[in-house]
Amino acid sequence: MLNRSLVIAAALGVAVAASGSAAAADVAAGEKVFKKCKACHTIEAGGKNKIGPNLAGIFGRQAALVEGYKYSKALRRSEITWDDANMTEWLASPKKMLKGNKMAFPGLRNEEDIVNVIAYMKEAGG
């Protein structure tokens, strides 16, 4: 049985490959979903850390590297590099993906929301 996050990441990859861009995902819908994230995160370059770290430039970066943010031991010790598959798994359930992290958000249940918010994050500076 395939891991749910791998299925979502594969679907995102197919959509992107078929269209040649992340346009297959709904960036505007992703922006609406990201409103849930704004209580704790900023995403613009130079944005401040809030309850959670600034997410600018997150894709392709190793976890727990935003200067000035105090990460959990679990995240600091992880070897996560944020790509579509890892971000998909994280957004679906941060606690399930990495036990001991301090992110309180329970996760997004709708797979389409995950695909869309990843597309938005990439376009917005993630």
N, C-alpha and C. Protein backbone atom coordinates (compact mmCIF):
# COMPACT_ATOMS: atom_id res chain seq x y z
N MET A 1 0.85 -1.19 0.00
CA MET A 1 0.00 0.00 0.00
C MET A 1 0.89 1.24 0.00
N LEU A 2 0.58 2.19 -0.86
CA LEU A 2 1.38 3.40 -0.97
C LEU A 2 1.09 4.38 0.16
N ASN A 3 2.12 5.06 0.57
CA ASN A 3 2.01 6.11 1.56
C ASN A 3 1.21 7.26 0.96
N ARG A 4 0.25 7.78 1.71
CA ARG A 4 -0.63 8.86 1.23
C ARG A 4 0.17 10.05 0.72
N SER A 5 1.23 10.43 1.43
CA SER A 5 2.02 11.59 1.03
C SER A 5 2.75 11.35 -0.28
N LEU A 6 3.17 10.10 -0.50
CA LEU A 6 3.84 9.79 -1.77
C LEU A 6 2.86 9.88 -2.93
N VAL A 7 1.64 9.44 -2.69
CA VAL A 7 0.60 9.52 -3.73
C VAL A 7 0.33 10.98 -4.08
N ILE A 8 0.21 11.83 -3.05
CA ILE A 8 -0.05 13.25 -3.29
C ILE A 8 1.12 13.88 -4.02
N ALA A 9 2.34 13.60 -3.56
CA ALA A 9 3.52 14.17 -4.20
C ALA A 9 3.63 13.70 -5.65
N ALA A 10 3.31 12.43 -5.90
CA ALA A 10 3.34 11.92 -7.27
C ALA A 10 2.30 12.62 -8.13
N ALA A 11 1.11 12.85 -7.56
CA ALA A 11 0.06 13.55 -8.31
C ALA A 11 0.49 14.97 -8.63
N LEU A 12 1.12 15.64 -7.68
CA LEU A 12 1.62 16.98 -7.92
C LEU A 12 2.68 16.96 -9.02
N GLY A 13 3.58 15.98 -8.94
CA GLY A 13 4.63 15.86 -9.95
C GLY A 13 4.07 15.61 -11.34
N VAL A 14 3.06 14.77 -11.44
CA VAL A 14 2.43 14.50 -12.73
C VAL A 14 1.75 15.75 -13.25
N ALA A 15 1.03 16.46 -12.38
CA ALA A 15 0.35 17.68 -12.79
C ALA A 15 1.34 18.72 -13.27
N VAL A 16 2.44 18.86 -12.57
CA VAL A 16 3.45 19.83 -12.95
C VAL A 16 4.11 19.42 -14.26
N ALA A 17 4.43 18.14 -14.40
CA ALA A 17 5.06 17.66 -15.62
C ALA A 17 4.14 17.83 -16.82
N ALA A 18 2.86 17.56 -16.62
CA ALA A 18 1.90 17.67 -17.71
C ALA A 18 1.71 19.11 -18.16
N SER A 19 1.79 20.03 -17.24
CA SER A 19 1.55 21.43 -17.58
C SER A 19 2.82 22.20 -17.84
N GLY A 20 3.95 21.65 -17.38
CA GLY A 20 5.21 22.36 -17.52
C GLY A 20 5.43 23.37 -16.41
N SER A 21 4.48 23.50 -15.48
CA SER A 21 4.63 24.43 -14.37
C SER A 21 3.72 24.02 -13.24
N ALA A 22 3.77 24.76 -12.16
CA ALA A 22 2.88 24.49 -11.04
C ALA A 22 1.48 25.03 -11.28
N ALA A 23 1.23 25.52 -12.50
CA ALA A 23 -0.06 26.11 -12.82
C ALA A 23 -1.20 25.09 -12.73
N ALA A 24 -0.89 23.79 -12.80
CA ALA A 24 -1.92 22.77 -12.70
C ALA A 24 -2.57 22.79 -11.32
N ALA A 25 -1.82 23.21 -10.33
CA ALA A 25 -2.39 23.40 -9.01
C ALA A 25 -3.05 24.77 -8.98
N ASP A 26 -3.97 24.96 -8.08
CA ASP A 26 -4.69 26.23 -7.99
C ASP A 26 -4.01 27.12 -6.94
N VAL A 27 -3.16 28.01 -7.42
CA VAL A 27 -2.38 28.89 -6.55
C VAL A 27 -3.31 29.78 -5.72
N ALA A 28 -4.37 30.30 -6.33
CA ALA A 28 -5.30 31.17 -5.60
C ALA A 28 -5.98 30.40 -4.47
N ALA A 29 -6.35 29.15 -4.74
CA ALA A 29 -6.94 28.32 -3.68
C ALA A 29 -5.90 28.04 -2.60
N GLY A 30 -4.66 27.85 -3.01
CA GLY A 30 -3.57 27.63 -2.06
C GLY A 30 -3.35 28.83 -1.17
N GLU A 31 -3.51 30.03 -1.73
CA GLU A 31 -3.37 31.25 -0.92
C GLU A 31 -4.44 31.29 0.16
N LYS A 32 -5.64 30.87 -0.17
CA LYS A 32 -6.72 30.83 0.83
C LYS A 32 -6.39 29.82 1.93
N VAL A 33 -5.86 28.66 1.54
CA VAL A 33 -5.49 27.65 2.53
C VAL A 33 -4.36 28.17 3.41
N PHE A 34 -3.43 28.92 2.82
CA PHE A 34 -2.29 29.43 3.57
C PHE A 34 -2.71 30.41 4.67
N LYS A 35 -3.91 30.94 4.59
CA LYS A 35 -4.40 31.83 5.65
C LYS A 35 -4.39 31.12 6.99
N LYS A 36 -4.55 29.79 6.98
CA LYS A 36 -4.47 29.00 8.22
C LYS A 36 -3.05 29.06 8.78
N CYS A 37 -2.08 29.17 7.90
CA CYS A 37 -0.66 29.16 8.28
C CYS A 37 -0.19 30.52 8.78
N LYS A 38 -0.85 31.59 8.31
CA LYS A 38 -0.41 32.95 8.62
C LYS A 38 -0.47 33.31 10.09
N ALA A 39 -1.24 32.58 10.86
CA ALA A 39 -1.28 32.86 12.30
C ALA A 39 0.09 32.62 12.93
N CYS A 40 0.86 31.72 12.32
CA CYS A 40 2.15 31.33 12.90
C CYS A 40 3.35 31.59 11.99
N HIS A 41 3.15 31.79 10.70
CA HIS A 41 4.26 31.90 9.75
C HIS A 41 4.11 33.10 8.81
N THR A 42 5.25 33.66 8.42
CA THR A 42 5.32 34.59 7.30
C THR A 42 6.02 33.83 6.18
N ILE A 43 5.90 34.31 4.95
CA ILE A 43 6.54 33.61 3.84
C ILE A 43 7.36 34.54 2.96
N GLU A 44 7.19 35.84 3.11
CA GLU A 44 7.92 36.78 2.25
C GLU A 44 9.39 36.87 2.70
N ALA A 45 10.26 37.11 1.73
CA ALA A 45 11.68 37.28 2.03
C ALA A 45 11.85 38.38 3.06
N GLY A 46 12.63 38.12 4.07
CA GLY A 46 12.85 39.11 5.12
C GLY A 46 11.75 39.17 6.16
N GLY A 47 10.72 38.32 6.00
CA GLY A 47 9.62 38.30 6.96
C GLY A 47 10.08 37.82 8.31
N LYS A 48 9.37 38.26 9.33
CA LYS A 48 9.79 37.91 10.69
C LYS A 48 9.33 36.50 11.07
N ASN A 49 10.03 35.96 12.04
CA ASN A 49 9.58 34.72 12.67
C ASN A 49 8.44 35.08 13.60
N LYS A 50 7.46 34.22 13.66
CA LYS A 50 6.35 34.40 14.58
C LYS A 50 6.36 33.21 15.53
N ILE A 51 5.24 32.61 15.78
CA ILE A 51 5.20 31.38 16.58
C ILE A 51 5.99 30.29 15.84
N GLY A 52 5.92 30.33 14.52
CA GLY A 52 6.70 29.45 13.66
C GLY A 52 7.69 30.28 12.86
N PRO A 53 8.65 29.62 12.22
CA PRO A 53 9.67 30.35 11.46
C PRO A 53 9.14 30.93 10.16
N ASN A 54 9.83 31.93 9.64
CA ASN A 54 9.54 32.46 8.31
C ASN A 54 9.81 31.34 7.31
N LEU A 55 8.96 31.21 6.30
CA LEU A 55 9.05 30.11 5.35
C LEU A 55 9.66 30.52 4.01
N ALA A 56 10.16 31.73 3.89
CA ALA A 56 10.77 32.17 2.63
C ALA A 56 11.94 31.25 2.28
N GLY A 57 11.97 30.78 1.05
CA GLY A 57 13.07 29.95 0.58
C GLY A 57 13.11 28.55 1.16
N ILE A 58 11.99 28.06 1.66
CA ILE A 58 11.99 26.77 2.36
C ILE A 58 12.26 25.58 1.43
N PHE A 59 11.79 25.63 0.20
CA PHE A 59 11.96 24.48 -0.70
C PHE A 59 13.41 24.33 -1.12
N GLY A 60 13.95 23.14 -0.89
CA GLY A 60 15.34 22.86 -1.20
C GLY A 60 16.28 23.11 -0.02
N ARG A 61 15.74 23.60 1.07
CA ARG A 61 16.54 23.92 2.25
C ARG A 61 16.37 22.82 3.30
N GLN A 62 17.42 22.57 4.04
CA GLN A 62 17.35 21.64 5.15
C GLN A 62 16.50 22.25 6.25
N ALA A 63 15.79 21.40 6.97
CA ALA A 63 14.93 21.86 8.08
C ALA A 63 15.76 22.48 9.19
N ALA A 64 15.13 23.38 9.91
CA ALA A 64 15.67 23.98 11.15
C ALA A 64 16.85 24.92 10.92
N LEU A 65 16.84 25.66 9.82
CA LEU A 65 17.96 26.55 9.53
C LEU A 65 17.62 28.04 9.54
N VAL A 66 16.39 28.41 9.86
CA VAL A 66 16.05 29.83 9.88
C VAL A 66 16.67 30.46 11.11
N GLU A 67 17.50 31.45 10.87
CA GLU A 67 18.22 32.13 11.95
C GLU A 67 17.24 32.83 12.88
N GLY A 68 17.50 32.70 14.17
CA GLY A 68 16.70 33.40 15.16
C GLY A 68 15.46 32.65 15.59
N TYR A 69 15.23 31.46 15.05
CA TYR A 69 14.07 30.69 15.47
C TYR A 69 14.52 29.49 16.29
N LYS A 70 13.84 29.25 17.41
CA LYS A 70 14.20 28.13 18.28
C LYS A 70 13.36 26.91 17.90
N TYR A 71 14.00 25.98 17.21
CA TYR A 71 13.34 24.76 16.75
C TYR A 71 13.34 23.69 17.84
N SER A 72 12.45 22.74 17.70
CA SER A 72 12.43 21.58 18.60
C SER A 72 13.68 20.73 18.34
N LYS A 73 14.06 19.97 19.34
CA LYS A 73 15.19 19.06 19.18
C LYS A 73 14.92 18.09 18.04
N ALA A 74 13.69 17.62 17.94
CA ALA A 74 13.33 16.66 16.90
C ALA A 74 13.61 17.23 15.51
N LEU A 75 13.23 18.46 15.28
CA LEU A 75 13.44 19.06 13.96
C LEU A 75 14.91 19.38 13.73
N ARG A 76 15.59 19.85 14.76
CA ARG A 76 17.03 20.13 14.62
C ARG A 76 17.82 18.86 14.30
N ARG A 77 17.40 17.75 14.86
CA ARG A 77 18.10 16.48 14.65
C ARG A 77 17.68 15.77 13.36
N SER A 78 16.58 16.22 12.79
CA SER A 78 16.09 15.56 11.57
C SER A 78 17.04 15.85 10.41
N GLU A 79 16.94 15.06 9.42
CA GLU A 79 17.73 15.29 8.20
C GLU A 79 16.81 15.64 7.04
N ILE A 80 15.73 16.31 7.37
CA ILE A 80 14.72 16.67 6.37
C ILE A 80 15.25 17.79 5.50
N THR A 81 15.11 17.63 4.19
CA THR A 81 15.28 18.71 3.24
C THR A 81 13.90 18.92 2.63
N TRP A 82 13.42 20.15 2.67
CA TRP A 82 12.05 20.43 2.25
C TRP A 82 11.91 20.36 0.74
N ASP A 83 11.22 19.34 0.29
CA ASP A 83 10.85 19.18 -1.11
C ASP A 83 9.35 18.90 -1.14
N ASP A 84 8.80 18.65 -2.32
CA ASP A 84 7.35 18.43 -2.42
C ASP A 84 6.89 17.25 -1.56
N ALA A 85 7.63 16.15 -1.60
CA ALA A 85 7.21 14.96 -0.86
C ALA A 85 7.25 15.20 0.65
N ASN A 86 8.34 15.78 1.15
CA ASN A 86 8.43 16.05 2.60
C ASN A 86 7.41 17.08 3.04
N MET A 87 7.22 18.12 2.25
CA MET A 87 6.26 19.14 2.63
C MET A 87 4.84 18.57 2.61
N THR A 88 4.56 17.71 1.66
CA THR A 88 3.25 17.06 1.59
C THR A 88 2.99 16.25 2.85
N GLU A 89 3.97 15.45 3.23
CA GLU A 89 3.82 14.63 4.43
C GLU A 89 3.66 15.51 5.68
N TRP A 90 4.46 16.57 5.76
CA TRP A 90 4.41 17.50 6.90
C TRP A 90 3.04 18.17 6.99
N LEU A 91 2.55 18.68 5.87
CA LEU A 91 1.27 19.38 5.89
C LEU A 91 0.11 18.45 6.20
N ALA A 92 0.24 17.18 5.86
CA ALA A 92 -0.82 16.21 6.17
C ALA A 92 -0.87 15.92 7.67
N SER A 93 0.30 15.86 8.32
CA SER A 93 0.33 15.57 9.75
C SER A 93 1.74 15.78 10.30
N PRO A 94 2.05 16.99 10.77
CA PRO A 94 3.39 17.24 11.31
C PRO A 94 3.78 16.30 12.45
N LYS A 95 2.85 16.00 13.33
CA LYS A 95 3.16 15.13 14.48
C LYS A 95 3.43 13.70 14.04
N LYS A 96 2.72 13.25 13.03
CA LYS A 96 2.92 11.89 12.54
C LYS A 96 4.25 11.78 11.78
N MET A 97 4.57 12.82 11.02
CA MET A 97 5.81 12.79 10.23
C MET A 97 7.04 12.80 11.13
N LEU A 98 7.01 13.65 12.17
CA LEU A 98 8.18 13.80 13.02
C LEU A 98 7.74 13.93 14.48
N LYS A 99 7.78 12.82 15.16
CA LYS A 99 7.39 12.82 16.58
C LYS A 99 8.33 13.72 17.37
N GLY A 100 7.76 14.49 18.29
CA GLY A 100 8.54 15.36 19.14
C GLY A 100 8.72 16.78 18.62
N ASN A 101 8.16 17.08 17.43
CA ASN A 101 8.25 18.47 16.96
C ASN A 101 7.20 19.28 17.71
N LYS A 102 7.39 20.60 17.73
CA LYS A 102 6.50 21.44 18.54
C LYS A 102 5.38 22.13 17.75
N MET A 103 5.22 21.79 16.49
CA MET A 103 4.16 22.42 15.70
C MET A 103 2.80 21.90 16.16
N ALA A 104 1.94 22.80 16.56
CA ALA A 104 0.63 22.44 17.11
C ALA A 104 -0.41 22.15 16.03
N PHE A 105 -0.17 22.61 14.82
CA PHE A 105 -1.15 22.44 13.73
C PHE A 105 -1.38 20.95 13.47
N PRO A 106 -2.64 20.51 13.42
CA PRO A 106 -2.93 19.09 13.24
C PRO A 106 -2.71 18.56 11.82
N GLY A 107 -2.67 19.45 10.86
CA GLY A 107 -2.49 19.02 9.48
C GLY A 107 -3.70 19.33 8.61
N LEU A 108 -3.50 19.24 7.32
CA LEU A 108 -4.57 19.45 6.35
C LEU A 108 -5.10 18.09 5.93
N ARG A 109 -6.38 17.93 5.93
CA ARG A 109 -6.99 16.64 5.59
C ARG A 109 -7.28 16.50 4.10
N ASN A 110 -7.47 17.61 3.42
CA ASN A 110 -7.83 17.58 2.01
C ASN A 110 -6.56 17.57 1.15
N GLU A 111 -6.38 16.52 0.38
CA GLU A 111 -5.18 16.37 -0.44
C GLU A 111 -5.04 17.50 -1.48
N GLU A 112 -6.15 17.95 -2.01
CA GLU A 112 -6.13 19.06 -2.97
C GLU A 112 -5.64 20.34 -2.31
N ASP A 113 -6.04 20.57 -1.06
CA ASP A 113 -5.56 21.74 -0.31
C ASP A 113 -4.04 21.69 -0.17
N ILE A 114 -3.50 20.51 0.08
CA ILE A 114 -2.05 20.36 0.24
C ILE A 114 -1.34 20.70 -1.06
N VAL A 115 -1.81 20.15 -2.16
CA VAL A 115 -1.21 20.43 -3.47
C VAL A 115 -1.27 21.93 -3.77
N ASN A 116 -2.42 22.53 -3.50
CA ASN A 116 -2.60 23.95 -3.78
C ASN A 116 -1.75 24.85 -2.89
N VAL A 117 -1.66 24.53 -1.60
CA VAL A 117 -0.88 25.38 -0.71
C VAL A 117 0.62 25.27 -1.02
N ILE A 118 1.08 24.11 -1.45
CA ILE A 118 2.47 23.98 -1.86
C ILE A 118 2.74 24.84 -3.08
N ALA A 119 1.83 24.82 -4.04
CA ALA A 119 1.99 25.66 -5.23
C ALA A 119 2.02 27.14 -4.84
N TYR A 120 1.13 27.55 -3.92
CA TYR A 120 1.12 28.94 -3.46
C TYR A 120 2.43 29.29 -2.75
N MET A 121 2.88 28.41 -1.87
CA MET A 121 4.10 28.68 -1.12
C MET A 121 5.28 28.89 -2.06
N LYS A 122 5.36 28.07 -3.09
CA LYS A 122 6.47 28.20 -4.05
C LYS A 122 6.38 29.54 -4.79
N GLU A 123 5.18 29.92 -5.18
CA GLU A 123 5.01 31.17 -5.90
C GLU A 123 5.23 32.38 -5.00
N ALA A 124 4.86 32.27 -3.73
CA ALA A 124 4.95 33.38 -2.80
C ALA A 124 6.36 33.58 -2.22
N GLY A 125 7.24 32.67 -2.51
CA GLY A 125 8.61 32.85 -2.02
C GLY A 125 9.15 31.67 -1.23
N GLY A 126 8.36 30.64 -1.10
CA GLY A 126 8.80 29.47 -0.36
C GLY A 126 9.82 28.71 -1.14
